[in-house]
Amino acid sequence: MVRQETHPGSGVSAPPEEFRVAVDSMHAAKLRPEVFCESMPAPQRIAPHASALSADVTVDDADIGTGRLILLHDPAGNDAWAGTFRFVAYARAEIDPELAADPLLSAVGWSWLTEALDAHGAGFAAPSGTVTCVCTENFGSMADEEGSAQIELRASWTPVGPDNGDLDVSAHVEAWGELLCTAVGLEPVPEGVTAMPSRRGQRGPAQ
């Protein structure tokens, strides 16, 4: 369960019902206990309505991954989106420096997103994005310190739902959570096993 807080994207006081339903489904998503997720202020100028989540992946009290997910809504539609809703996602994770040298890592990183969406049954269209790998190596008086590497993914896609009916985007949030866990190297939860909420994930009640 995600702590809930709605932020209209451009000062609109009464979001349409279809947006409110979609936001409610965002906050109904079930994430792994390593993922602590809560609402954050949404961008104000990208779309008439927006709601945003932030997340940290924590293992042994260390944050090893972070991300943001924004749901945009324009009732008038947007040709670039091919729809009236759009997700914008960001994910960053610490990785093994040796892994960062793999020339296929960027393509694999993108597949983490698309495969997670497919695995959760989250229909999507018009995906776009970038994957960036950054390595840090230390020199001089810092030469004895171990280097580090990160992978960053920035993506957007249009959630696809029934032609007639409310849009449930919980599967998209769960796929984003899985992307974060895959990026930091966590093993998948075995099928049929339900992950119990962590104490960190229960920091505050849903509102």
N, C-alpha and C. Protein backbone atom coordinates (compact mmCIF):
# COMPACT_ATOMS: atom_id res chain seq x y z
N MET A 1 0.85 -1.19 0.00
CA MET A 1 0.00 0.00 0.00
C MET A 1 0.89 1.24 0.00
N VAL A 2 0.52 2.23 -0.80
CA VAL A 2 1.30 3.44 -0.95
C VAL A 2 0.65 4.58 -0.18
N ARG A 3 1.45 5.35 0.53
CA ARG A 3 0.91 6.56 1.14
C ARG A 3 0.38 7.47 0.05
N GLN A 4 -0.78 8.06 0.25
CA GLN A 4 -1.47 8.72 -0.83
C GLN A 4 -1.57 10.23 -0.60
N GLU A 5 -1.30 10.95 -1.67
CA GLU A 5 -1.43 12.39 -1.66
C GLU A 5 -1.56 12.84 -3.09
N THR A 6 -2.62 13.54 -3.45
CA THR A 6 -2.87 13.92 -4.84
C THR A 6 -2.46 15.37 -5.06
N HIS A 7 -1.79 15.59 -6.19
CA HIS A 7 -1.33 16.94 -6.54
C HIS A 7 -1.82 17.27 -7.93
N PRO A 8 -2.90 18.09 -8.11
CA PRO A 8 -3.32 18.47 -9.44
C PRO A 8 -2.16 19.11 -10.19
N GLY A 9 -2.04 18.81 -11.47
CA GLY A 9 -0.86 19.24 -12.22
C GLY A 9 -0.79 20.71 -12.49
N SER A 10 -1.89 21.42 -12.62
CA SER A 10 -1.80 22.83 -12.99
C SER A 10 -2.78 23.68 -12.22
N GLY A 11 -2.99 23.33 -10.96
CA GLY A 11 -3.87 24.13 -10.13
C GLY A 11 -5.35 23.84 -10.35
N VAL A 12 -5.70 22.82 -11.13
CA VAL A 12 -7.09 22.48 -11.36
C VAL A 12 -7.67 21.90 -10.07
N SER A 13 -8.77 22.48 -9.58
CA SER A 13 -9.27 22.09 -8.27
C SER A 13 -10.09 20.81 -8.30
N ALA A 14 -10.66 20.46 -9.45
CA ALA A 14 -11.53 19.29 -9.51
C ALA A 14 -11.08 18.36 -10.62
N PRO A 15 -10.19 17.42 -10.32
CA PRO A 15 -9.74 16.48 -11.33
C PRO A 15 -10.92 15.64 -11.83
N PRO A 16 -10.91 15.25 -13.09
CA PRO A 16 -11.99 14.41 -13.60
C PRO A 16 -12.03 13.05 -12.91
N GLU A 17 -13.19 12.43 -12.94
CA GLU A 17 -13.38 11.16 -12.26
C GLU A 17 -12.42 10.10 -12.76
N GLU A 18 -12.17 10.04 -14.06
CA GLU A 18 -11.28 9.00 -14.59
C GLU A 18 -9.87 9.15 -14.05
N PHE A 19 -9.44 10.38 -13.77
CA PHE A 19 -8.11 10.58 -13.20
C PHE A 19 -8.10 10.17 -11.74
N ARG A 20 -9.14 10.51 -10.99
CA ARG A 20 -9.21 10.12 -9.58
C ARG A 20 -9.21 8.61 -9.43
N VAL A 21 -9.92 7.92 -10.30
CA VAL A 21 -9.95 6.46 -10.24
C VAL A 21 -8.57 5.88 -10.54
N ALA A 22 -7.89 6.44 -11.54
CA ALA A 22 -6.56 5.96 -11.89
C ALA A 22 -5.58 6.19 -10.74
N VAL A 23 -5.66 7.35 -10.10
CA VAL A 23 -4.77 7.64 -8.97
C VAL A 23 -5.04 6.69 -7.81
N ASP A 24 -6.31 6.42 -7.54
CA ASP A 24 -6.64 5.47 -6.48
C ASP A 24 -6.02 4.10 -6.76
N SER A 25 -6.04 3.70 -8.02
CA SER A 25 -5.46 2.39 -8.36
C SER A 25 -3.94 2.42 -8.24
N MET A 26 -3.32 3.59 -8.48
CA MET A 26 -1.87 3.70 -8.26
C MET A 26 -1.53 3.36 -6.82
N HIS A 27 -2.30 3.91 -5.90
CA HIS A 27 -2.00 3.75 -4.48
C HIS A 27 -2.45 2.39 -3.94
N ALA A 28 -3.15 1.62 -4.75
CA ALA A 28 -3.55 0.27 -4.34
C ALA A 28 -2.52 -0.77 -4.76
N ALA A 29 -1.47 -0.36 -5.46
CA ALA A 29 -0.45 -1.30 -5.93
C ALA A 29 0.26 -1.95 -4.75
N LYS A 30 0.65 -3.21 -4.92
CA LYS A 30 1.36 -3.97 -3.88
C LYS A 30 2.82 -4.13 -4.30
N LEU A 31 3.71 -3.64 -3.46
CA LEU A 31 5.14 -3.66 -3.76
C LEU A 31 5.88 -4.54 -2.77
N ARG A 32 7.09 -4.95 -3.15
CA ARG A 32 7.92 -5.77 -2.27
C ARG A 32 8.30 -5.00 -1.02
N PRO A 33 8.58 -5.71 0.09
CA PRO A 33 8.92 -5.02 1.34
C PRO A 33 10.19 -4.20 1.27
N GLU A 34 11.07 -4.52 0.31
CA GLU A 34 12.31 -3.72 0.17
C GLU A 34 12.04 -2.36 -0.44
N VAL A 35 10.84 -2.17 -1.00
CA VAL A 35 10.51 -0.91 -1.69
C VAL A 35 9.61 -0.07 -0.80
N PHE A 36 10.15 1.07 -0.34
CA PHE A 36 9.33 2.01 0.42
C PHE A 36 8.88 3.10 -0.54
N CYS A 37 7.55 3.22 -0.71
CA CYS A 37 6.98 4.12 -1.71
C CYS A 37 6.01 5.09 -1.04
N GLU A 38 6.05 6.34 -1.47
CA GLU A 38 5.13 7.34 -0.96
C GLU A 38 4.89 8.41 -2.01
N SER A 39 3.86 9.23 -1.78
CA SER A 39 3.55 10.30 -2.71
C SER A 39 4.60 11.40 -2.65
N MET A 40 4.74 12.10 -3.76
CA MET A 40 5.62 13.25 -3.83
C MET A 40 4.93 14.32 -4.68
N PRO A 41 5.35 15.58 -4.56
CA PRO A 41 4.73 16.63 -5.39
C PRO A 41 4.91 16.32 -6.88
N ALA A 42 3.83 16.47 -7.62
CA ALA A 42 3.87 16.20 -9.06
C ALA A 42 4.28 17.46 -9.82
N PRO A 43 4.87 17.31 -11.00
CA PRO A 43 5.23 18.48 -11.82
C PRO A 43 3.97 19.26 -12.19
N GLN A 44 4.10 20.56 -12.31
CA GLN A 44 2.94 21.43 -12.45
C GLN A 44 2.60 21.84 -13.88
N ARG A 45 3.52 21.70 -14.82
CA ARG A 45 3.30 22.28 -16.14
C ARG A 45 3.26 21.26 -17.29
N ILE A 46 3.45 19.99 -16.99
CA ILE A 46 3.52 19.01 -18.07
C ILE A 46 2.13 18.65 -18.60
N ALA A 47 1.15 18.55 -17.70
CA ALA A 47 -0.21 18.15 -18.08
C ALA A 47 -1.20 18.80 -17.13
N PRO A 48 -2.48 18.87 -17.53
CA PRO A 48 -3.48 19.47 -16.64
C PRO A 48 -3.60 18.77 -15.29
N HIS A 49 -3.35 17.45 -15.26
CA HIS A 49 -3.46 16.70 -14.01
C HIS A 49 -2.27 15.76 -13.90
N ALA A 50 -1.75 15.62 -12.68
CA ALA A 50 -0.60 14.74 -12.46
C ALA A 50 -0.57 14.26 -11.02
N SER A 51 -0.07 13.04 -10.84
CA SER A 51 0.14 12.48 -9.51
C SER A 51 1.46 11.72 -9.56
N ALA A 52 2.25 11.80 -8.48
CA ALA A 52 3.60 11.24 -8.53
C ALA A 52 3.92 10.42 -7.28
N LEU A 53 4.76 9.42 -7.49
CA LEU A 53 5.26 8.56 -6.42
C LEU A 53 6.78 8.58 -6.43
N SER A 54 7.38 8.41 -5.26
CA SER A 54 8.83 8.20 -5.16
C SER A 54 9.06 6.90 -4.39
N ALA A 55 10.20 6.27 -4.64
CA ALA A 55 10.48 5.00 -3.97
C ALA A 55 11.96 4.85 -3.74
N ASP A 56 12.30 4.18 -2.64
CA ASP A 56 13.67 3.78 -2.33
C ASP A 56 13.68 2.27 -2.13
N VAL A 57 14.73 1.63 -2.64
CA VAL A 57 14.93 0.21 -2.40
C VAL A 57 16.00 0.08 -1.32
N THR A 58 15.65 -0.54 -0.21
CA THR A 58 16.54 -0.63 0.94
C THR A 58 16.82 -2.07 1.31
N VAL A 59 18.10 -2.40 1.45
CA VAL A 59 18.52 -3.73 1.88
C VAL A 59 19.57 -3.54 2.98
N ASP A 60 19.35 -4.18 4.12
CA ASP A 60 20.25 -4.06 5.27
C ASP A 60 20.48 -2.60 5.65
N ASP A 61 19.38 -1.84 5.66
CA ASP A 61 19.38 -0.43 6.06
C ASP A 61 20.18 0.47 5.12
N ALA A 62 20.49 0.00 3.93
CA ALA A 62 21.21 0.82 2.95
C ALA A 62 20.31 1.03 1.73
N ASP A 63 20.18 2.28 1.29
CA ASP A 63 19.42 2.58 0.08
C ASP A 63 20.30 2.28 -1.13
N ILE A 64 19.87 1.32 -1.94
CA ILE A 64 20.68 0.92 -3.09
C ILE A 64 19.99 1.21 -4.42
N GLY A 65 18.80 1.76 -4.34
CA GLY A 65 18.09 2.13 -5.56
C GLY A 65 17.03 3.16 -5.25
N THR A 66 16.67 3.95 -6.25
CA THR A 66 15.65 4.97 -6.05
C THR A 66 14.90 5.18 -7.35
N GLY A 67 13.71 5.73 -7.25
CA GLY A 67 12.95 5.96 -8.46
C GLY A 67 11.79 6.90 -8.25
N ARG A 68 11.23 7.35 -9.38
CA ARG A 68 10.04 8.20 -9.37
C ARG A 68 9.10 7.71 -10.47
N LEU A 69 7.82 7.87 -10.23
CA LEU A 69 6.82 7.50 -11.23
C LEU A 69 5.73 8.56 -11.23
N ILE A 70 5.45 9.12 -12.40
CA ILE A 70 4.48 10.20 -12.52
C ILE A 70 3.38 9.78 -13.49
N LEU A 71 2.15 9.93 -13.08
CA LEU A 71 1.01 9.70 -13.96
C LEU A 71 0.47 11.04 -14.42
N LEU A 72 0.46 11.25 -15.73
CA LEU A 72 -0.05 12.48 -16.33
C LEU A 72 -1.40 12.21 -16.98
N HIS A 73 -2.25 13.23 -16.98
CA HIS A 73 -3.56 13.09 -17.62
C HIS A 73 -3.95 14.39 -18.29
N ASP A 74 -4.30 14.27 -19.58
CA ASP A 74 -4.82 15.40 -20.34
C ASP A 74 -6.13 14.94 -20.96
N PRO A 75 -7.27 15.39 -20.43
CA PRO A 75 -8.56 14.93 -20.95
C PRO A 75 -8.74 15.19 -22.43
N ALA A 76 -8.05 16.21 -22.96
CA ALA A 76 -8.17 16.53 -24.39
C ALA A 76 -7.35 15.60 -25.27
N GLY A 77 -6.53 14.79 -24.65
CA GLY A 77 -5.68 13.88 -25.42
C GLY A 77 -4.39 14.55 -25.85
N ASN A 78 -3.43 13.73 -26.21
CA ASN A 78 -2.12 14.22 -26.64
C ASN A 78 -1.63 13.29 -27.75
N ASP A 79 -1.37 13.86 -28.93
CA ASP A 79 -0.97 13.04 -30.08
C ASP A 79 0.31 12.26 -29.79
N ALA A 80 1.25 12.87 -29.07
CA ALA A 80 2.52 12.19 -28.78
C ALA A 80 2.30 11.01 -27.84
N TRP A 81 1.27 11.09 -27.00
CA TRP A 81 1.00 10.01 -26.07
C TRP A 81 0.19 8.89 -26.71
N ALA A 82 -0.58 9.22 -27.75
CA ALA A 82 -1.53 8.28 -28.33
C ALA A 82 -2.58 7.89 -27.28
N GLY A 83 -3.01 8.88 -26.50
CA GLY A 83 -3.99 8.63 -25.45
C GLY A 83 -4.15 9.85 -24.56
N THR A 84 -4.86 9.67 -23.45
CA THR A 84 -5.08 10.78 -22.52
C THR A 84 -4.27 10.63 -21.23
N PHE A 85 -3.63 9.47 -21.03
CA PHE A 85 -2.78 9.24 -19.87
C PHE A 85 -1.36 8.95 -20.35
N ARG A 86 -0.40 9.25 -19.47
CA ARG A 86 1.00 8.94 -19.78
C ARG A 86 1.77 8.74 -18.47
N PHE A 87 2.57 7.69 -18.43
CA PHE A 87 3.48 7.48 -17.31
C PHE A 87 4.87 8.00 -17.68
N VAL A 88 5.51 8.63 -16.71
CA VAL A 88 6.91 9.04 -16.83
C VAL A 88 7.65 8.43 -15.65
N ALA A 89 8.68 7.66 -15.93
CA ALA A 89 9.37 6.91 -14.87
C ALA A 89 10.86 7.20 -14.87
N TYR A 90 11.43 7.11 -13.67
CA TYR A 90 12.88 7.24 -13.48
C TYR A 90 13.31 6.17 -12.50
N ALA A 91 14.43 5.53 -12.78
CA ALA A 91 14.98 4.53 -11.87
C ALA A 91 16.49 4.64 -11.87
N ARG A 92 17.09 4.55 -10.69
CA ARG A 92 18.56 4.57 -10.57
C ARG A 92 18.98 3.52 -9.56
N ALA A 93 20.03 2.79 -9.90
CA ALA A 93 20.48 1.72 -9.02
C ALA A 93 21.99 1.61 -9.02
N GLU A 94 22.53 1.23 -7.86
CA GLU A 94 23.95 0.93 -7.77
C GLU A 94 24.19 -0.46 -8.38
N ILE A 95 25.23 -0.58 -9.21
CA ILE A 95 25.54 -1.86 -9.83
C ILE A 95 27.02 -2.15 -9.70
N ASP A 96 27.40 -3.38 -9.97
CA ASP A 96 28.80 -3.79 -9.95
C ASP A 96 29.54 -3.07 -11.07
N PRO A 97 30.67 -2.40 -10.77
CA PRO A 97 31.42 -1.70 -11.83
C PRO A 97 31.77 -2.60 -13.01
N GLU A 98 32.02 -3.87 -12.77
CA GLU A 98 32.33 -4.77 -13.88
C GLU A 98 31.12 -4.96 -14.79
N LEU A 99 29.94 -4.95 -14.21
CA LEU A 99 28.72 -5.08 -15.00
C LEU A 99 28.52 -3.86 -15.89
N ALA A 100 28.93 -2.69 -15.39
CA ALA A 100 28.74 -1.45 -16.15
C ALA A 100 29.54 -1.45 -17.44
N ALA A 101 30.59 -2.26 -17.52
CA ALA A 101 31.42 -2.32 -18.72
C ALA A 101 30.79 -3.16 -19.82
N ASP A 102 29.73 -3.85 -19.53
CA ASP A 102 29.07 -4.72 -20.52
C ASP A 102 28.38 -3.84 -21.57
N PRO A 103 28.74 -3.95 -22.85
CA PRO A 103 28.12 -3.11 -23.88
C PRO A 103 26.64 -3.38 -24.09
N LEU A 104 26.16 -4.50 -23.61
CA LEU A 104 24.75 -4.85 -23.76
C LEU A 104 23.90 -4.39 -22.58
N LEU A 105 24.53 -3.78 -21.57
CA LEU A 105 23.80 -3.44 -20.35
C LEU A 105 22.64 -2.49 -20.61
N SER A 106 22.83 -1.51 -21.46
CA SER A 106 21.75 -0.55 -21.72
C SER A 106 20.52 -1.24 -22.30
N ALA A 107 20.75 -2.12 -23.27
CA ALA A 107 19.63 -2.84 -23.87
C ALA A 107 18.96 -3.75 -22.84
N VAL A 108 19.78 -4.39 -22.01
CA VAL A 108 19.22 -5.25 -20.96
C VAL A 108 18.42 -4.41 -19.97
N GLY A 109 18.95 -3.23 -19.61
CA GLY A 109 18.23 -2.36 -18.68
C GLY A 109 16.87 -1.96 -19.22
N TRP A 110 16.78 -1.69 -20.52
CA TRP A 110 15.49 -1.34 -21.11
C TRP A 110 14.55 -2.55 -21.07
N SER A 111 15.10 -3.74 -21.29
CA SER A 111 14.26 -4.94 -21.26
C SER A 111 13.70 -5.20 -19.86
N TRP A 112 14.40 -4.75 -18.81
CA TRP A 112 13.87 -4.91 -17.46
C TRP A 112 12.51 -4.23 -17.34
N LEU A 113 12.37 -3.06 -17.96
CA LEU A 113 11.11 -2.33 -17.91
C LEU A 113 10.03 -3.03 -18.74
N THR A 114 10.32 -3.30 -20.00
CA THR A 114 9.29 -3.86 -20.87
C THR A 114 8.87 -5.26 -20.40
N GLU A 115 9.83 -6.05 -19.93
CA GLU A 115 9.48 -7.39 -19.44
C GLU A 115 8.67 -7.32 -18.15
N ALA A 116 8.96 -6.34 -17.30
CA ALA A 116 8.17 -6.18 -16.07
C ALA A 116 6.74 -5.78 -16.40
N LEU A 117 6.57 -4.86 -17.36
CA LEU A 117 5.22 -4.47 -17.76
C LEU A 117 4.46 -5.66 -18.32
N ASP A 118 5.11 -6.44 -19.17
CA ASP A 118 4.46 -7.62 -19.75
C ASP A 118 4.12 -8.64 -18.67
N ALA A 119 5.05 -8.87 -17.74
CA ALA A 119 4.84 -9.88 -16.71
C ALA A 119 3.66 -9.54 -15.81
N HIS A 120 3.42 -8.24 -15.60
CA HIS A 120 2.33 -7.82 -14.72
C HIS A 120 1.03 -7.58 -15.50
N GLY A 121 1.05 -7.84 -16.80
CA GLY A 121 -0.15 -7.64 -17.59
C GLY A 121 -0.53 -6.18 -17.74
N ALA A 122 0.48 -5.31 -17.71
CA ALA A 122 0.24 -3.87 -17.82
C ALA A 122 0.34 -3.46 -19.29
N GLY A 123 -0.81 -3.36 -19.95
CA GLY A 123 -0.81 -2.99 -21.36
C GLY A 123 -0.24 -1.59 -21.56
N PHE A 124 0.59 -1.44 -22.58
CA PHE A 124 1.21 -0.13 -22.80
C PHE A 124 1.43 0.11 -24.30
N ALA A 125 1.58 1.39 -24.65
CA ALA A 125 1.81 1.78 -26.03
C ALA A 125 2.79 2.95 -26.06
N ALA A 126 3.39 3.17 -27.22
CA ALA A 126 4.28 4.31 -27.47
C ALA A 126 5.36 4.47 -26.41
N PRO A 127 6.10 3.40 -26.08
CA PRO A 127 7.17 3.55 -25.08
C PRO A 127 8.37 4.31 -25.65
N SER A 128 9.04 5.06 -24.80
CA SER A 128 10.27 5.74 -25.20
C SER A 128 11.12 5.95 -23.96
N GLY A 129 12.43 6.12 -24.16
CA GLY A 129 13.28 6.35 -23.01
C GLY A 129 14.75 6.20 -23.29
N THR A 130 15.53 6.33 -22.24
CA THR A 130 16.99 6.21 -22.33
C THR A 130 17.50 5.39 -21.15
N VAL A 131 18.64 4.74 -21.36
CA VAL A 131 19.34 4.03 -20.29
C VAL A 131 20.77 4.54 -20.29
N THR A 132 21.25 4.98 -19.12
CA THR A 132 22.58 5.55 -18.99
C THR A 132 23.36 4.80 -17.92
N CYS A 133 24.60 4.44 -18.23
CA CYS A 133 25.49 3.79 -17.27
C CYS A 133 26.62 4.74 -16.93
N VAL A 134 26.86 4.94 -15.64
CA VAL A 134 27.87 5.88 -15.17
C VAL A 134 28.85 5.15 -14.26
N CYS A 135 30.14 5.27 -14.56
CA CYS A 135 31.18 4.66 -13.72
C CYS A 135 32.02 5.76 -13.06
N THR A 136 32.38 5.56 -11.81
CA THR A 136 33.23 6.49 -11.09
C THR A 136 34.48 5.77 -10.62
N GLU A 137 35.65 6.29 -11.00
CA GLU A 137 36.92 5.71 -10.58
C GLU A 137 37.70 6.78 -9.83
N ASN A 138 38.34 6.39 -8.75
CA ASN A 138 39.02 7.34 -7.88
C ASN A 138 40.53 7.37 -8.15
N PHE A 139 41.11 8.57 -7.98
CA PHE A 139 42.54 8.76 -8.25
C PHE A 139 43.18 9.58 -7.14
N GLY A 140 44.51 9.67 -7.19
CA GLY A 140 45.25 10.46 -6.22
C GLY A 140 45.06 9.94 -4.81
N SER A 141 44.78 10.86 -3.89
CA SER A 141 44.62 10.46 -2.50
C SER A 141 43.39 9.59 -2.27
N MET A 142 42.51 9.50 -3.28
CA MET A 142 41.30 8.68 -3.17
C MET A 142 41.45 7.36 -3.92
N ALA A 143 42.65 7.07 -4.40
CA ALA A 143 42.86 5.89 -5.24
C ALA A 143 42.56 4.58 -4.51
N ASP A 144 42.70 4.57 -3.20
CA ASP A 144 42.44 3.34 -2.43
C ASP A 144 40.95 3.06 -2.25
N GLU A 145 40.13 4.06 -2.55
CA GLU A 145 38.68 3.87 -2.39
C GLU A 145 38.10 3.14 -3.59
N GLU A 146 37.18 2.26 -3.32
CA GLU A 146 36.58 1.45 -4.38
C GLU A 146 35.72 2.30 -5.30
N GLY A 147 35.81 2.04 -6.59
CA GLY A 147 34.99 2.75 -7.56
C GLY A 147 33.53 2.34 -7.45
N SER A 148 32.69 3.02 -8.17
CA SER A 148 31.26 2.73 -8.12
C SER A 148 30.67 2.86 -9.51
N ALA A 149 29.48 2.34 -9.67
CA ALA A 149 28.79 2.43 -10.95
C ALA A 149 27.28 2.48 -10.69
N GLN A 150 26.59 3.16 -11.58
CA GLN A 150 25.14 3.29 -11.47
C GLN A 150 24.52 3.11 -12.85
N ILE A 151 23.30 2.64 -12.85
CA ILE A 151 22.50 2.60 -14.06
C ILE A 151 21.27 3.47 -13.84
N GLU A 152 20.95 4.29 -14.83
CA GLU A 152 19.78 5.17 -14.75
C GLU A 152 18.88 4.91 -15.95
N LEU A 153 17.61 4.77 -15.68
CA LEU A 153 16.63 4.58 -16.74
C LEU A 153 15.57 5.68 -16.65
N ARG A 154 15.34 6.33 -17.77
CA ARG A 154 14.27 7.33 -17.88
C ARG A 154 13.35 6.86 -19.00
N ALA A 155 12.07 6.76 -18.71
CA ALA A 155 11.16 6.19 -19.69
C ALA A 155 9.77 6.81 -19.56
N SER A 156 9.01 6.69 -20.63
CA SER A 156 7.60 7.07 -20.60
C SER A 156 6.83 6.11 -21.49
N TRP A 157 5.58 5.91 -21.14
CA TRP A 157 4.71 5.04 -21.93
C TRP A 157 3.26 5.39 -21.64
N THR A 158 2.40 4.96 -22.53
CA THR A 158 0.97 5.20 -22.39
C THR A 158 0.29 3.94 -21.87
N PRO A 159 -0.36 4.01 -20.70
CA PRO A 159 -1.07 2.83 -20.20
C PRO A 159 -2.30 2.56 -21.06
N VAL A 160 -2.51 1.31 -21.38
CA VAL A 160 -3.63 0.91 -22.22
C VAL A 160 -4.62 0.11 -21.39
N GLY A 161 -5.87 0.57 -21.39
CA GLY A 161 -6.91 -0.11 -20.64
C GLY A 161 -8.11 -0.38 -21.53
N PRO A 162 -9.21 -0.78 -20.95
CA PRO A 162 -10.42 -1.04 -21.75
C PRO A 162 -10.93 0.24 -22.40
N ASP A 163 -11.53 0.09 -23.59
CA ASP A 163 -12.07 1.25 -24.28
C ASP A 163 -13.19 1.90 -23.49
N ASN A 164 -13.96 1.07 -22.82
CA ASN A 164 -15.07 1.59 -22.01
C ASN A 164 -14.90 1.07 -20.59
N GLY A 165 -14.53 1.95 -19.70
CA GLY A 165 -14.32 1.53 -18.31
C GLY A 165 -13.20 2.31 -17.68
N ASP A 166 -13.08 2.19 -16.36
CA ASP A 166 -12.06 2.93 -15.62
C ASP A 166 -10.69 2.31 -15.86
N LEU A 167 -9.67 3.16 -15.82
CA LEU A 167 -8.29 2.71 -16.03
C LEU A 167 -7.66 2.31 -14.71
N ASP A 168 -7.30 1.05 -14.57
CA ASP A 168 -6.62 0.53 -13.39
C ASP A 168 -5.13 0.46 -13.73
N VAL A 169 -4.32 1.28 -13.06
CA VAL A 169 -2.89 1.35 -13.39
C VAL A 169 -2.03 0.70 -12.31
N SER A 170 -2.64 -0.05 -11.39
CA SER A 170 -1.85 -0.66 -10.32
C SER A 170 -0.77 -1.58 -10.88
N ALA A 171 -1.06 -2.28 -11.97
CA ALA A 171 -0.07 -3.19 -12.55
C ALA A 171 1.15 -2.43 -13.06
N HIS A 172 0.95 -1.21 -13.51
CA HIS A 172 2.07 -0.39 -13.98
C HIS A 172 2.98 0.01 -12.82
N VAL A 173 2.36 0.35 -11.69
CA VAL A 173 3.14 0.70 -10.50
C VAL A 173 3.92 -0.52 -10.01
N GLU A 174 3.28 -1.67 -10.02
CA GLU A 174 3.95 -2.89 -9.57
C GLU A 174 5.09 -3.27 -10.51
N ALA A 175 4.91 -3.03 -11.82
CA ALA A 175 5.99 -3.30 -12.78
C ALA A 175 7.16 -2.36 -12.55
N TRP A 176 6.86 -1.10 -12.24
CA TRP A 176 7.92 -0.13 -11.92
C TRP A 176 8.68 -0.56 -10.67
N GLY A 177 7.94 -1.04 -9.67
CA GLY A 177 8.60 -1.54 -8.46
C GLY A 177 9.49 -2.73 -8.76
N GLU A 178 9.02 -3.62 -9.64
CA GLU A 178 9.85 -4.77 -10.02
C GLU A 178 11.10 -4.30 -10.77
N LEU A 179 10.95 -3.30 -11.63
CA LEU A 179 12.11 -2.74 -12.33
C LEU A 179 13.17 -2.29 -11.35
N LEU A 180 12.77 -1.58 -10.29
CA LEU A 180 13.71 -1.10 -9.30
C LEU A 180 14.43 -2.26 -8.62
N CYS A 181 13.68 -3.30 -8.28
CA CYS A 181 14.28 -4.45 -7.60
C CYS A 181 15.22 -5.23 -8.52
N THR A 182 14.85 -5.36 -9.79
CA THR A 182 15.71 -6.04 -10.75
C THR A 182 17.00 -5.27 -10.95
N ALA A 183 16.88 -3.94 -11.04
CA ALA A 183 18.05 -3.11 -11.29
C ALA A 183 19.09 -3.22 -10.17
N VAL A 184 18.63 -3.38 -8.93
CA VAL A 184 19.58 -3.48 -7.81
C VAL A 184 20.04 -4.91 -7.57
N GLY A 185 19.50 -5.86 -8.35
CA GLY A 185 19.97 -7.23 -8.26
C GLY A 185 19.24 -8.12 -7.30
N LEU A 186 18.04 -7.74 -6.86
CA LEU A 186 17.28 -8.60 -5.96
C LEU A 186 16.71 -9.79 -6.73
N GLU A 187 16.69 -10.93 -6.08
CA GLU A 187 16.13 -12.12 -6.70
C GLU A 187 14.60 -11.97 -6.79
N PRO A 188 14.00 -12.48 -7.86
CA PRO A 188 12.53 -12.42 -7.97
C PRO A 188 11.86 -13.17 -6.83
N VAL A 189 10.69 -12.69 -6.43
CA VAL A 189 9.90 -13.41 -5.44
C VAL A 189 9.30 -14.63 -6.11
N PRO A 190 9.49 -15.84 -5.56
CA PRO A 190 8.96 -17.05 -6.19
C PRO A 190 7.45 -16.96 -6.40
N GLU A 191 6.99 -17.51 -7.52
CA GLU A 191 5.57 -17.49 -7.83
C GLU A 191 4.78 -18.19 -6.73
N GLY A 192 3.69 -17.55 -6.31
CA GLY A 192 2.86 -18.13 -5.26
C GLY A 192 3.24 -17.69 -3.86
N VAL A 193 4.37 -16.97 -3.74
CA VAL A 193 4.81 -16.48 -2.44
C VAL A 193 4.42 -15.02 -2.31
N THR A 194 3.77 -14.66 -1.21
CA THR A 194 3.35 -13.29 -0.97
C THR A 194 4.36 -12.60 -0.07
N ALA A 195 4.92 -11.49 -0.57
CA ALA A 195 5.90 -10.74 0.23
C ALA A 195 5.17 -9.97 1.32
N MET A 196 5.66 -10.07 2.55
CA MET A 196 5.05 -9.36 3.67
C MET A 196 5.59 -7.94 3.73
N PRO A 197 4.74 -6.95 4.07
CA PRO A 197 5.22 -5.57 4.18
C PRO A 197 6.32 -5.45 5.21
N SER A 198 7.31 -4.59 4.91
CA SER A 198 8.38 -4.35 5.88
C SER A 198 7.98 -3.25 6.84
N ARG A 199 8.66 -3.16 7.95
CA ARG A 199 8.38 -2.08 8.91
C ARG A 199 8.66 -0.74 8.27
N ARG A 200 9.68 -0.67 7.41
CA ARG A 200 9.98 0.59 6.72
C ARG A 200 8.83 0.98 5.81
N GLY A 201 8.24 -0.01 5.15
CA GLY A 201 7.14 0.27 4.24
C GLY A 201 5.86 0.67 4.95
N GLN A 202 5.83 0.54 6.28
CA GLN A 202 4.65 0.90 7.03
C GLN A 202 4.84 2.22 7.78
N ARG A 203 5.73 3.06 7.25
CA ARG A 203 6.03 4.32 7.94
C ARG A 203 4.79 5.17 8.18
N GLY A 204 3.87 5.15 7.25
CA GLY A 204 2.68 5.97 7.44
C GLY A 204 1.46 5.31 6.83
N PRO A 205 0.27 5.56 7.35
CA PRO A 205 -0.92 4.93 6.81
C PRO A 205 -1.35 5.56 5.50
N ALA A 206 -2.05 4.80 4.68
CA ALA A 206 -2.64 5.37 3.47
C ALA A 206 -3.74 6.34 3.87
N GLN A 207 -3.85 7.40 3.10
CA GLN A 207 -4.84 8.44 3.44
C GLN A 207 -5.92 8.48 2.37
